[in-house]
Amino acid sequence: MSISNFIYRQKQKIKYHFANNSTEKLIAEINRFDERIEVQNQAYYVKELNLYVPKSTCDFVFASFSLFISNAKNLKGNYSFEFNELHFTWEDYKINITSASEIFIINEIFVEKCYQFKMSTITNKDLVVFDIGMNVGLASLFFSNLPQVKKIYGFEPFNPTYLKAKANFALNPINAQKINSLNFGLGADNKELEVPYSSLNTGINSTVNSNERKSDEIKSERIQIRDIYIQINELIKIHSESEIIIKIDTEGAEFEIFERLEKEKFWDNVRMIMLEWHFDSPVTIEKYLNNNGFSIVSTVINKNAGLIYAFRTD
């Protein structure tokens, strides 16, 4: 190690220990081996992106800095600030990033392509997607860019999250023409609930009591849940000539959803299901799917979550 490198690292250690706040401590850590972020009076300058991040506006990007950078590189995208909002633009998409949650979701959906699928050329039917647990609308936007998908119905019970989705759809007007977004959740029956809500991480919000994960900022939201069988069955009748794809990411509500649909023997209308399960064993869901003619791929992410891809080939 050269003398100049040694001195630089010692300076970064000093900056880390004497940082004025948690953001500048993170930046000192990021800058440990090379100055990637320049701390200025009113902004942080991210050299790799030629981007000025106004102080106290989007400090969350530094907690997810590696993904923040890699998303731009992998998707060949650009970040910009418009009306004090952070936008990310690539290909046919433009997303308003309001928290670290969106940085992770962009990576999962558009880089890792966790919802990518291709239907057999045996069928040329239109596809209708039910996005259950729509969150800020990124999965719906991903599905909207698949040529065979003609309609998406997105269900999101948390109003602040739903409004973020609507804002993203407004930034993508052509893709959004396929999307019908609905501000209620789906479950075993009709009910109104008051549940904890985090605006800092919209991906952890749950409509069930089993959600033990916490966030730095929790308030409560009153939400509407409607009977999934009644809601989806009516829509399937409208699209009787189409193949049905279901994506479910409901932070624990998936178990009551599957029990309700199993009771009605609903599955004959569905070609494929992409599901993220939470908090409990997926064995019951796997059994429902196997017993109703689905082939499945089931993976475990950690003790609280995993993915199931279920499909019919007949």
Protein backbone atom coordinates (compact mmCIF):
# COMPACT_ATOMS: atom_id res chain seq x y z
CA MET A 1 0.00 0.00 0.00
CA SER A 2 1.37 3.42 -0.96
CA ILE A 3 1.80 6.22 1.57
CA SER A 4 -0.89 8.28 -0.19
CA ASN A 5 -3.38 5.38 0.01
CA PHE A 6 -2.58 4.81 3.65
CA ILE A 7 -3.14 8.49 4.46
CA TYR A 8 -6.40 8.51 2.47
CA ARG A 9 -7.76 5.52 4.41
CA GLN A 10 -6.82 7.05 7.72
CA LYS A 11 -8.71 10.21 6.76
CA GLN A 12 -11.78 8.14 5.91
CA LYS A 13 -11.60 6.42 9.29
CA ILE A 14 -11.54 9.82 10.97
CA LYS A 15 -14.50 10.98 8.87
CA TYR A 16 -16.38 7.82 9.83
CA HIS A 17 -15.82 8.26 13.55
CA PHE A 18 -16.56 11.99 13.57
CA ALA A 19 -19.45 12.01 11.05
CA ASN A 20 -22.26 14.44 11.84
CA ASN A 21 -25.01 11.93 11.01
CA SER A 22 -25.66 8.36 9.91
CA THR A 23 -25.66 9.29 6.21
CA GLU A 24 -22.17 10.80 6.32
CA LYS A 25 -21.00 7.76 8.29
CA LEU A 26 -22.32 5.53 5.49
CA ILE A 27 -20.61 7.70 2.89
CA ALA A 28 -17.28 7.50 4.75
CA GLU A 29 -17.62 3.70 4.67
CA ILE A 30 -18.46 3.73 0.94
CA ASN A 31 -15.45 5.98 0.33
CA ARG A 32 -13.14 3.75 2.34
CA PHE A 33 -10.85 2.76 -0.57
CA ASP A 34 -11.74 5.41 -3.13
CA GLU A 35 -13.72 8.65 -3.09
CA ARG A 36 -16.92 7.60 -4.86
CA ILE A 37 -19.12 10.25 -3.22
CA GLU A 38 -18.11 13.87 -2.70
CA VAL A 39 -19.72 15.63 0.26
CA GLN A 40 -20.63 19.19 -0.71
CA ASN A 41 -22.47 21.95 1.13
CA GLN A 42 -25.98 21.25 -0.23
CA ALA A 43 -25.59 17.89 -1.93
CA TYR A 44 -23.74 14.61 -2.23
CA TYR A 45 -22.07 14.16 -5.62
CA VAL A 46 -22.06 10.53 -6.84
CA LYS A 47 -19.13 10.46 -9.25
CA GLU A 48 -19.96 7.19 -11.05
CA LEU A 49 -23.39 8.50 -12.02
CA ASN A 50 -22.57 12.21 -12.37
CA LEU A 51 -25.49 12.74 -10.00
CA TYR A 52 -26.06 15.34 -7.31
CA VAL A 53 -28.25 14.04 -4.48
CA PRO A 54 -29.66 16.96 -2.45
CA LYS A 55 -28.99 16.54 1.26
CA SER A 56 -31.87 15.21 3.38
CA THR A 57 -33.89 14.43 0.25
CA CYS A 58 -32.97 10.84 -0.69
CA ASP A 59 -30.37 9.82 1.87
CA PHE A 60 -31.78 6.28 1.73
CA VAL A 61 -29.86 5.63 -1.51
CA PHE A 62 -26.60 5.37 0.46
CA ALA A 63 -27.96 2.53 2.60
CA SER A 64 -28.51 0.59 -0.65
CA PHE A 65 -25.64 2.13 -2.59
CA SER A 66 -24.31 -1.02 -4.29
CA LEU A 67 -27.76 -1.83 -5.73
CA PHE A 68 -28.34 1.84 -6.55
CA ILE A 69 -25.21 1.78 -8.73
CA SER A 70 -25.65 -1.73 -10.15
CA ASN A 71 -29.26 -1.09 -11.20
CA ALA A 72 -28.08 1.85 -13.31
CA LYS A 73 -25.29 -0.21 -14.86
CA ASN A 74 -27.27 -3.41 -15.43
CA LEU A 75 -30.28 -1.62 -16.91
CA LYS A 76 -28.27 1.14 -18.63
CA GLY A 77 -30.48 3.63 -16.85
CA ASN A 78 -30.22 7.20 -15.61
CA TYR A 79 -31.22 8.88 -12.35
CA SER A 80 -32.55 12.42 -12.30
CA PHE A 81 -34.30 14.81 -9.93
CA GLU A 82 -37.53 16.33 -11.16
CA PHE A 83 -39.57 18.57 -8.86
CA ASN A 84 -37.44 17.30 -5.98
CA GLU A 85 -38.35 13.68 -6.79
CA LEU A 86 -35.79 11.00 -7.67
CA HIS A 87 -36.63 9.29 -10.95
CA PHE A 88 -34.96 6.31 -12.60
CA THR A 89 -35.37 5.95 -16.37
CA TRP A 90 -34.38 2.99 -18.59
CA GLU A 91 -35.74 1.38 -21.77
CA ASP A 92 -39.50 2.05 -21.76
CA TYR A 93 -39.76 2.65 -18.01
CA LYS A 94 -39.65 5.60 -15.64
CA ILE A 95 -39.98 5.02 -11.88
CA ASN A 96 -40.32 7.43 -8.96
CA ILE A 97 -37.98 6.17 -6.21
CA THR A 98 -39.18 7.21 -2.76
CA SER A 99 -37.41 4.65 -0.54
CA ALA A 100 -34.76 1.92 -0.52
CA SER A 101 -37.60 -0.55 -1.06
CA GLU A 102 -37.98 0.49 -4.71
CA ILE A 103 -34.24 0.05 -5.31
CA PHE A 104 -34.53 -3.59 -4.17
CA ILE A 105 -37.74 -4.20 -6.13
CA ILE A 106 -36.25 -2.81 -9.36
CA ASN A 107 -33.36 -5.23 -8.97
CA GLU A 108 -35.63 -8.22 -8.26
CA ILE A 109 -38.10 -7.59 -11.07
CA PHE A 110 -36.12 -5.93 -13.84
CA VAL A 111 -32.55 -7.17 -13.27
CA GLU A 112 -33.06 -10.64 -11.77
CA LYS A 113 -36.40 -10.96 -13.63
CA CYS A 114 -38.15 -12.93 -10.90
CA TYR A 115 -41.47 -12.66 -12.82
CA GLN A 116 -40.13 -13.36 -16.31
CA PHE A 117 -42.05 -16.08 -18.14
CA LYS A 118 -42.62 -17.27 -21.69
CA MET A 119 -45.74 -19.15 -22.73
CA SER A 120 -45.65 -22.10 -25.09
CA THR A 121 -46.25 -21.29 -28.75
CA ILE A 122 -48.91 -24.02 -28.67
CA THR A 123 -51.36 -21.41 -27.43
CA ASN A 124 -51.76 -17.95 -28.88
CA LYS A 125 -54.40 -16.89 -26.35
CA ASP A 126 -54.23 -13.49 -24.70
CA LEU A 127 -52.93 -13.44 -21.13
CA VAL A 128 -54.61 -11.71 -18.20
CA VAL A 129 -52.51 -11.15 -15.07
CA PHE A 130 -53.83 -10.68 -11.54
CA ASP A 131 -51.20 -8.81 -9.52
CA ILE A 132 -52.26 -9.51 -5.93
CA GLY A 133 -50.14 -7.36 -3.65
CA MET A 134 -49.39 -4.74 -6.29
CA ASN A 135 -47.17 -2.61 -4.02
CA VAL A 136 -45.88 0.45 -5.95
CA GLY A 137 -46.82 -1.07 -9.30
CA LEU A 138 -43.47 -2.29 -10.60
CA ALA A 139 -44.53 -5.88 -11.27
CA SER A 140 -47.64 -4.65 -13.09
CA LEU A 141 -45.43 -2.42 -15.26
CA PHE A 142 -43.12 -5.35 -15.97
CA PHE A 143 -46.05 -7.53 -17.04
CA SER A 144 -47.46 -4.72 -19.19
CA ASN A 145 -44.37 -4.84 -21.42
CA LEU A 146 -44.90 -8.53 -22.28
CA PRO A 147 -46.62 -8.62 -25.71
CA GLN A 148 -48.92 -11.55 -24.92
CA VAL A 149 -50.26 -9.84 -21.78
CA LYS A 150 -53.37 -7.87 -22.72
CA LYS A 151 -54.69 -6.88 -19.27
CA ILE A 152 -53.41 -6.57 -15.70
CA TYR A 153 -55.54 -6.17 -12.58
CA GLY A 154 -53.53 -4.89 -9.64
CA PHE A 155 -54.80 -5.13 -6.04
CA GLU A 156 -53.21 -2.99 -3.31
CA PRO A 157 -54.95 -2.38 0.06
CA PHE A 158 -52.64 0.30 1.51
CA ASN A 159 -53.68 3.70 0.19
CA PRO A 160 -50.25 5.46 0.45
CA THR A 161 -48.66 2.56 -1.45
CA TYR A 162 -51.51 2.53 -3.96
CA LEU A 163 -50.96 6.26 -4.62
CA LYS A 164 -47.26 5.58 -5.27
CA ALA A 165 -48.29 2.95 -7.81
CA LYS A 166 -50.65 5.41 -9.50
CA ALA A 167 -47.80 7.95 -9.67
CA ASN A 168 -45.59 5.35 -11.38
CA PHE A 169 -48.37 4.48 -13.83
CA ALA A 170 -48.70 8.19 -14.67
CA LEU A 171 -45.00 8.21 -15.57
CA ASN A 172 -45.58 5.26 -17.92
CA PRO A 173 -48.83 6.14 -19.73
CA ILE A 174 -48.46 3.71 -22.63
CA ASN A 175 -47.78 0.68 -20.43
CA ALA A 176 -50.42 1.81 -17.93
CA GLN A 177 -53.16 1.46 -20.55
CA LYS A 178 -53.13 -2.29 -19.82
CA ILE A 179 -53.37 -1.85 -16.03
CA ASN A 180 -56.53 -1.57 -13.95
CA SER A 181 -55.45 -0.77 -10.37
CA LEU A 182 -57.76 -1.35 -7.41
CA ASN A 183 -57.32 0.10 -3.91
CA PHE A 184 -58.32 -2.95 -1.87
CA GLY A 185 -56.74 -6.24 -0.90
CA LEU A 186 -57.93 -9.79 -1.44
CA GLY A 187 -58.55 -12.40 1.24
CA ALA A 188 -60.90 -15.06 2.51
CA ASP A 189 -63.86 -12.70 2.98
CA ASN A 190 -64.97 -9.06 3.03
CA LYS A 191 -63.60 -7.11 5.99
CA GLU A 192 -62.18 -3.80 7.13
CA LEU A 193 -58.93 -3.79 9.11
CA GLU A 194 -56.67 -1.32 10.86
CA VAL A 195 -53.07 -2.52 10.59
CA PRO A 196 -49.49 -1.21 11.02
CA TYR A 197 -48.00 0.55 8.00
CA SER A 198 -44.45 1.54 7.07
CA SER A 199 -43.91 4.13 4.35
CA LEU A 200 -40.13 3.54 4.44
CA ASN A 201 -40.45 -0.08 3.33
CA THR A 202 -43.72 -0.71 1.53
CA GLY A 203 -42.68 -4.30 0.86
CA ILE A 204 -43.10 -5.44 4.49
CA ASN A 205 -46.65 -4.20 5.07
CA SER A 206 -49.02 -7.03 5.90
CA THR A 207 -52.76 -7.44 6.37
CA VAL A 208 -52.30 -10.33 8.83
CA ASN A 209 -51.26 -10.36 12.47
CA SER A 210 -48.31 -12.69 11.89
CA ASN A 211 -46.10 -9.88 10.54
CA GLU A 212 -43.39 -9.48 13.16
CA ARG A 213 -40.96 -7.47 11.06
CA LYS A 214 -40.46 -3.87 12.15
CA SER A 215 -39.51 -0.63 10.47
CA ASP A 216 -38.20 2.67 11.76
CA GLU A 217 -41.46 4.43 10.99
CA ILE A 218 -44.74 2.69 11.77
CA LYS A 219 -48.24 4.15 11.71
CA SER A 220 -51.63 2.57 11.16
CA GLU A 221 -53.79 2.37 8.05
CA ARG A 222 -57.42 1.37 7.65
CA ILE A 223 -57.78 -0.98 4.70
CA GLN A 224 -60.44 -2.89 2.80
CA ILE A 225 -60.19 -6.62 2.06
CA ARG A 226 -62.59 -8.32 -0.34
CA ASP A 227 -63.41 -11.95 -1.02
CA ILE A 228 -60.85 -13.14 -3.57
CA TYR A 229 -63.09 -15.76 -5.14
CA ILE A 230 -65.93 -13.34 -5.83
CA GLN A 231 -63.61 -10.62 -7.18
CA ILE A 232 -61.47 -12.79 -9.44
CA ASN A 233 -64.22 -15.10 -10.62
CA GLU A 234 -66.18 -12.15 -12.00
CA LEU A 235 -63.12 -10.89 -13.86
CA ILE A 236 -62.37 -14.34 -15.28
CA LYS A 237 -65.89 -14.43 -16.74
CA ILE A 238 -65.10 -11.19 -18.59
CA HIS A 239 -61.90 -12.73 -19.97
CA SER A 240 -63.23 -16.23 -20.62
CA GLU A 241 -61.13 -16.62 -23.78
CA SER A 242 -57.85 -15.70 -22.09
CA GLU A 243 -55.21 -17.59 -20.10
CA ILE A 244 -54.99 -16.50 -16.45
CA ILE A 245 -51.69 -15.75 -14.68
CA ILE A 246 -51.66 -14.93 -10.95
CA LYS A 247 -48.84 -13.21 -9.07
CA ILE A 248 -49.20 -13.16 -5.26
CA ASP A 249 -47.02 -11.25 -2.81
CA THR A 250 -49.19 -10.49 0.21
CA GLU A 251 -46.88 -10.81 3.23
CA GLY A 252 -48.71 -13.70 4.87
CA ALA A 253 -52.26 -13.34 3.49
CA GLU A 254 -51.46 -15.94 0.82
CA PHE A 255 -52.48 -18.76 3.18
CA GLU A 256 -56.07 -17.55 3.63
CA ILE A 257 -56.20 -16.75 -0.09
CA PHE A 258 -55.32 -20.34 -1.01
CA GLU A 259 -57.74 -21.83 1.53
CA ARG A 260 -60.56 -19.72 0.06
CA LEU A 261 -59.76 -20.67 -3.54
CA GLU A 262 -59.32 -24.35 -2.64
CA LYS A 263 -62.77 -24.34 -1.06
CA GLU A 264 -64.25 -23.28 -4.42
CA LYS A 265 -62.02 -25.60 -6.50
CA PHE A 266 -61.09 -22.50 -8.44
CA TRP A 267 -57.87 -23.70 -10.06
CA ASP A 268 -59.14 -24.97 -13.43
CA ASN A 269 -59.18 -21.40 -14.75
CA VAL A 270 -55.51 -20.69 -13.98
CA ARG A 271 -52.49 -21.44 -16.17
CA MET A 272 -49.68 -20.20 -13.90
CA ILE A 273 -49.08 -18.83 -10.37
CA MET A 274 -46.01 -16.94 -9.15
CA LEU A 275 -46.09 -16.72 -5.38
CA GLU A 276 -43.92 -15.38 -2.56
CA TRP A 277 -44.86 -16.98 0.77
CA HIS A 278 -44.08 -15.56 4.22
CA PHE A 279 -43.88 -16.49 7.92
CA ASP A 280 -45.19 -20.07 7.70
CA SER A 281 -44.40 -23.35 5.99
CA PRO A 282 -45.37 -23.52 2.30
CA VAL A 283 -46.31 -27.20 2.56
CA THR A 284 -50.08 -26.61 2.59
CA ILE A 285 -49.92 -24.35 -0.47
CA GLU A 286 -47.69 -26.86 -2.28
CA LYS A 287 -50.21 -29.61 -1.50
CA TYR A 288 -53.14 -27.56 -2.87
CA LEU A 289 -51.22 -26.90 -6.08
CA ASN A 290 -50.05 -30.51 -6.58
CA ASN A 291 -53.53 -31.89 -5.91
CA ASN A 292 -54.97 -29.58 -8.57
CA GLY A 293 -52.66 -30.50 -11.42
CA PHE A 294 -49.90 -27.92 -11.10
CA SER A 295 -46.22 -28.67 -11.51
CA ILE A 296 -44.25 -26.54 -9.07
CA VAL A 297 -40.80 -25.19 -8.37
CA SER A 298 -40.49 -24.23 -4.70
CA THR A 299 -37.49 -22.41 -3.24
CA VAL A 300 -36.61 -21.05 0.21
CA ILE A 301 -35.14 -17.54 0.54
CA ASN A 302 -34.86 -17.60 4.35
CA LYS A 303 -36.83 -18.99 7.31
CA ASN A 304 -39.59 -16.42 6.74
CA ALA A 305 -39.97 -16.42 2.97
CA GLY A 306 -39.72 -18.37 -0.25
CA LEU A 307 -40.92 -18.53 -3.85
CA ILE A 308 -43.25 -20.95 -5.58
CA TYR A 309 -43.71 -21.08 -9.36
CA ALA A 310 -46.67 -23.25 -10.32
CA PHE A 311 -47.79 -24.01 -13.87
CA ARG A 312 -49.91 -26.26 -16.04
CA THR A 313 -48.57 -27.66 -19.28
CA ASP A 314 -51.81 -29.28 -20.50
